[in-house]
Amino acid sequence: MKREQLLNQFRDRKPTILGSEHFSKYAVLLPLIEKEDEIHILFQVRSLQMRKQPGEVCFPGGRSEEFDKNELHTAIRETSEELGIQQLGITQVFPLDFIISPFGTIIYPFVGSLPSEYELHPNPNEVEKIFTVPLDYLLHYSPKKHHIHFKVEPEADFPFDLIVGGENYNWQTRKMDEYFYIYQNQIIWGLTARILKHFLDLIKNQSIDFKNI
C-alpha cells in the first residue's frame, strides 16, 4: 500500500474523543421555568431510596440508552420520565458544553424550558422533591470554591523498570474545582454545580438582559 492510499482512508473521518467508546454517556437538562413573573432554575433532589447519591441535588437526566437517537433525546426522555410531563412540553432545548469526568463518563448538558410547575408530577421512585431558585439570585451569588486533588497510584506490579525515572518518575497530578451554591437549606455541588456555573457564566459573558426576555 502506498502512503497516499493509506492517508486517503482518513479523508472523510470525523474525529471523536479517543477512547470514548469505553465511556458511559449521560445527558441532563438544566430546566428553566417561569414563577412569579421571574425566570427560575428547577432542581430536583434524588430519592432517598436511590442506590447512588440518594438525597443529592441534581438536574433531571440519566444514562444514554441504545434506543436514544442522540444525547438530546436522552435529556428530554429522562426529564419527561422523572418530572412526569410529556416530552412535547419540554421546549427550546439547546446544548451546553459537554463534560468529560475523571470517572469514565461523558455528560452532555442541555438547557431548556418547562411548563408551569403545577403541571409537573415528579416520579417518587427517582425524585424526593423539586425546588426552584431565581435566576437573578444565582447570577449575583458567588459560589464557594474548593479543590479536589487526584493522586496517582500505580498498581503493585507496575513495570517501573520500563520507564525513565523508574519509581521516582515525576507523575503529573491534577486538581478539580468544586463549587458550592447554597440556597435556603439546599446545597448544590458536584457536576450539577459545574454545569450551573457554566450556564451562568455564558449569560454573564454575553451580557444577556434576561429580565427583558
Protein backbone atom coordinates (compact mmCIF):
# COMPACT_ATOMS: atom_id res chain seq x y z
CA MET A 1 0.00 0.00 0.00
CA LYS A 2 1.30 3.43 -0.91
CA ARG A 3 1.35 6.32 1.51
CA GLU A 4 -1.30 8.22 -0.47
CA GLN A 5 -3.64 5.23 -0.36
CA LEU A 6 -3.13 4.89 3.36
CA LEU A 7 -3.87 8.54 4.12
CA ASN A 8 -6.91 8.63 1.81
CA GLN A 9 -8.64 6.27 4.22
CA PHE A 10 -8.70 9.14 6.73
CA ARG A 11 -10.07 11.74 4.32
CA ASP A 12 -13.69 11.72 5.48
CA ARG A 13 -13.10 10.62 9.04
CA LYS A 14 -14.76 12.71 11.74
CA PRO A 15 -12.74 12.88 14.98
CA THR A 16 -14.19 11.96 18.33
CA ILE A 17 -12.78 11.66 21.84
CA LEU A 18 -10.10 8.99 21.99
CA GLY A 19 -11.43 6.02 23.97
CA SER A 20 -14.95 7.45 24.18
CA GLU A 21 -16.41 4.08 23.21
CA HIS A 22 -15.45 2.89 26.71
CA PHE A 23 -17.10 5.85 28.47
CA SER A 24 -20.59 5.83 29.96
CA LYS A 25 -22.62 8.64 28.41
CA TYR A 26 -25.21 10.71 30.24
CA ALA A 27 -27.37 13.69 29.34
CA VAL A 28 -29.02 16.18 31.68
CA LEU A 29 -31.32 19.16 31.31
CA LEU A 30 -30.92 22.49 33.09
CA PRO A 31 -34.63 23.40 33.24
CA LEU A 32 -35.90 26.99 33.12
CA ILE A 33 -39.36 27.66 34.47
CA GLU A 34 -41.39 30.83 34.97
CA LYS A 35 -42.51 31.51 38.51
CA GLU A 36 -43.98 34.71 39.91
CA ASP A 37 -43.03 36.56 36.72
CA GLU A 38 -39.39 35.57 37.12
CA ILE A 39 -37.14 33.01 35.50
CA HIS A 40 -36.22 30.21 37.89
CA ILE A 41 -33.94 27.21 37.51
CA LEU A 42 -35.52 23.94 38.63
CA PHE A 43 -33.56 21.37 40.62
CA GLN A 44 -34.57 18.00 41.95
CA VAL A 45 -33.47 16.04 45.00
CA ARG A 46 -32.71 12.41 44.29
CA SER A 47 -34.95 9.89 46.04
CA LEU A 48 -33.63 8.67 49.37
CA GLN A 49 -34.21 5.13 48.07
CA MET A 50 -31.76 5.55 45.16
CA ARG A 51 -28.67 3.35 45.25
CA LYS A 52 -26.36 6.12 44.05
CA GLN A 53 -26.20 9.60 45.57
CA PRO A 54 -29.51 9.49 47.47
CA GLY A 55 -30.72 12.87 48.67
CA GLU A 56 -28.34 14.89 46.49
CA VAL A 57 -29.42 17.86 44.41
CA CYS A 58 -29.24 17.33 40.65
CA PHE A 59 -30.73 18.20 37.28
CA PRO A 60 -33.08 15.73 35.60
CA GLY A 61 -31.25 13.34 33.29
CA GLY A 62 -29.62 9.95 33.03
CA ARG A 63 -27.70 7.41 31.01
CA SER A 64 -27.98 7.30 27.24
CA GLU A 65 -29.63 4.10 26.05
CA GLU A 66 -29.18 2.30 22.74
CA PHE A 67 -32.67 3.31 21.61
CA ASP A 68 -31.98 7.02 22.15
CA LYS A 69 -31.48 8.86 18.86
CA ASN A 70 -28.85 11.13 20.38
CA GLU A 71 -27.90 12.89 23.61
CA LEU A 72 -30.65 15.48 23.13
CA HIS A 73 -33.23 12.71 23.03
CA THR A 74 -31.75 11.24 26.23
CA ALA A 75 -32.05 14.54 28.09
CA ILE A 76 -35.66 15.08 27.01
CA ARG A 77 -36.70 11.46 27.65
CA GLU A 78 -35.16 11.35 31.12
CA THR A 79 -36.63 14.73 32.08
CA SER A 80 -40.05 13.59 30.90
CA GLU A 81 -39.84 10.39 32.92
CA GLU A 82 -38.52 11.99 36.11
CA LEU A 83 -40.78 15.05 36.18
CA GLY A 84 -43.89 13.34 34.83
CA ILE A 85 -44.52 15.57 31.82
CA GLN A 86 -44.99 14.99 28.11
CA GLN A 87 -41.84 15.28 26.03
CA LEU A 88 -43.60 17.90 23.89
CA GLY A 89 -43.83 20.07 27.00
CA ILE A 90 -40.04 20.42 27.06
CA THR A 91 -39.21 23.18 24.58
CA GLN A 92 -36.40 25.40 23.32
CA VAL A 93 -33.70 22.89 24.23
CA PHE A 94 -30.14 23.91 23.37
CA PRO A 95 -26.75 22.30 24.10
CA LEU A 96 -24.22 23.50 26.64
CA ASP A 97 -20.58 22.36 26.74
CA PHE A 98 -20.15 18.65 27.48
CA ILE A 99 -18.04 17.37 30.36
CA ILE A 100 -15.52 14.55 30.41
CA SER A 101 -15.33 13.46 34.01
CA PRO A 102 -12.30 11.73 35.57
CA PHE A 103 -14.57 8.80 36.42
CA GLY A 104 -15.07 7.42 32.91
CA THR A 105 -18.20 9.31 31.96
CA ILE A 106 -19.18 11.97 29.42
CA ILE A 107 -22.02 14.26 30.42
CA TYR A 108 -23.96 16.18 27.77
CA PRO A 109 -25.86 19.10 29.40
CA PHE A 110 -28.69 21.00 27.75
CA VAL A 111 -30.78 23.98 28.76
CA GLY A 112 -34.50 24.08 28.04
CA SER A 113 -37.89 25.37 29.05
CA LEU A 114 -40.50 23.56 31.16
CA PRO A 115 -44.24 24.22 31.54
CA SER A 116 -45.72 25.64 34.73
CA GLU A 117 -44.70 23.99 37.99
CA TYR A 118 -48.22 22.74 38.71
CA GLU A 119 -48.02 20.61 35.54
CA LEU A 120 -45.07 18.64 36.91
CA HIS A 121 -45.65 15.25 38.55
CA PRO A 122 -42.25 14.00 39.80
CA ASN A 123 -41.66 10.26 39.83
CA PRO A 124 -41.35 9.32 43.55
CA ASN A 125 -39.09 6.38 42.69
CA GLU A 126 -36.43 8.79 41.44
CA VAL A 127 -37.28 12.22 42.82
CA GLU A 128 -37.65 13.04 46.52
CA LYS A 129 -38.75 16.60 45.79
CA ILE A 130 -38.21 19.54 43.45
CA PHE A 131 -37.40 23.16 44.16
CA THR A 132 -36.57 26.26 42.15
CA VAL A 133 -34.04 29.05 42.55
CA PRO A 134 -34.47 32.50 40.98
CA LEU A 135 -32.02 33.06 38.15
CA ASP A 136 -31.37 36.59 39.41
CA TYR A 137 -30.28 35.19 42.79
CA LEU A 138 -27.82 32.79 41.17
CA LEU A 139 -26.37 35.42 38.84
CA HIS A 140 -25.44 37.55 41.83
CA TYR A 141 -24.26 34.66 44.02
CA SER A 142 -20.55 33.90 44.45
CA PRO A 143 -20.20 30.14 44.96
CA LYS A 144 -17.73 28.76 47.46
CA LYS A 145 -14.77 27.19 45.66
CA HIS A 146 -12.69 24.26 46.90
CA HIS A 147 -10.34 21.78 45.25
CA ILE A 148 -10.05 18.03 44.96
CA HIS A 149 -6.57 16.68 44.27
CA PHE A 150 -6.14 13.45 42.33
CA LYS A 151 -3.31 11.17 43.37
CA VAL A 152 -1.52 8.73 41.05
CA GLU A 153 -1.23 5.22 42.50
CA PRO A 154 0.34 2.67 40.07
CA GLU A 155 -0.70 -0.95 40.62
CA ALA A 156 1.56 -3.24 42.63
CA ASP A 157 3.21 -4.91 39.60
CA PHE A 158 3.63 -1.73 37.55
CA PRO A 159 6.79 -2.10 35.35
CA PHE A 160 8.81 0.84 36.69
CA ASP A 161 11.91 -0.64 35.03
CA LEU A 162 10.41 0.16 31.61
CA ILE A 163 10.10 3.92 32.16
CA VAL A 164 12.69 6.65 32.56
CA GLY A 165 12.90 7.61 36.23
CA GLY A 166 11.53 4.31 37.49
CA GLU A 167 9.83 4.56 40.87
CA ASN A 168 10.90 8.20 41.05
CA TYR A 169 9.02 9.12 37.88
CA ASN A 170 7.54 12.60 38.14
CA TRP A 171 3.84 11.89 37.62
CA GLN A 172 1.66 14.79 36.61
CA THR A 173 -1.20 15.21 39.04
CA ARG A 174 -4.21 17.45 38.67
CA LYS A 175 -6.82 19.15 40.75
CA MET A 176 -10.50 19.69 40.11
CA ASP A 177 -12.51 22.72 41.15
CA GLU A 178 -15.58 22.04 43.26
CA TYR A 179 -18.23 24.75 43.55
CA PHE A 180 -20.91 25.04 46.22
CA TYR A 181 -24.12 27.03 45.81
CA ILE A 182 -26.32 27.39 48.88
CA TYR A 183 -29.96 28.38 48.65
CA GLN A 184 -32.06 28.22 51.80
CA ASN A 185 -31.32 24.71 53.10
CA GLN A 186 -30.26 23.21 49.75
CA ILE A 187 -26.65 22.52 48.75
CA ILE A 188 -25.83 22.42 45.05
CA TRP A 189 -22.39 20.99 44.29
CA GLY A 190 -20.52 18.45 42.14
CA LEU A 191 -21.27 18.14 38.42
CA THR A 192 -24.58 19.94 38.93
CA ALA A 193 -22.77 22.99 40.28
CA ARG A 194 -20.21 22.88 37.45
CA ILE A 195 -22.96 22.82 34.82
CA LEU A 196 -24.82 25.57 36.65
CA LYS A 197 -21.73 27.80 36.82
CA HIS A 198 -21.02 27.19 33.13
CA PHE A 199 -24.56 28.28 32.23
CA LEU A 200 -24.40 31.37 34.45
CA ASP A 201 -21.00 32.34 33.01
CA LEU A 202 -22.40 32.10 29.48
CA ILE A 203 -25.16 34.54 30.42
CA LYS A 204 -22.72 36.95 32.08
CA ASN A 205 -20.22 36.80 29.22
CA GLN A 206 -22.90 37.53 26.64
CA SER A 207 -24.43 40.33 28.71
CA ILE A 208 -27.89 38.83 28.31
CA ASP A 209 -30.60 41.05 29.76
CA PHE A 210 -32.77 38.12 30.94
CA LYS A 211 -35.27 40.41 32.64
CA ASN A 212 -36.40 41.71 29.26
CA ILE A 213 -36.64 38.31 27.57
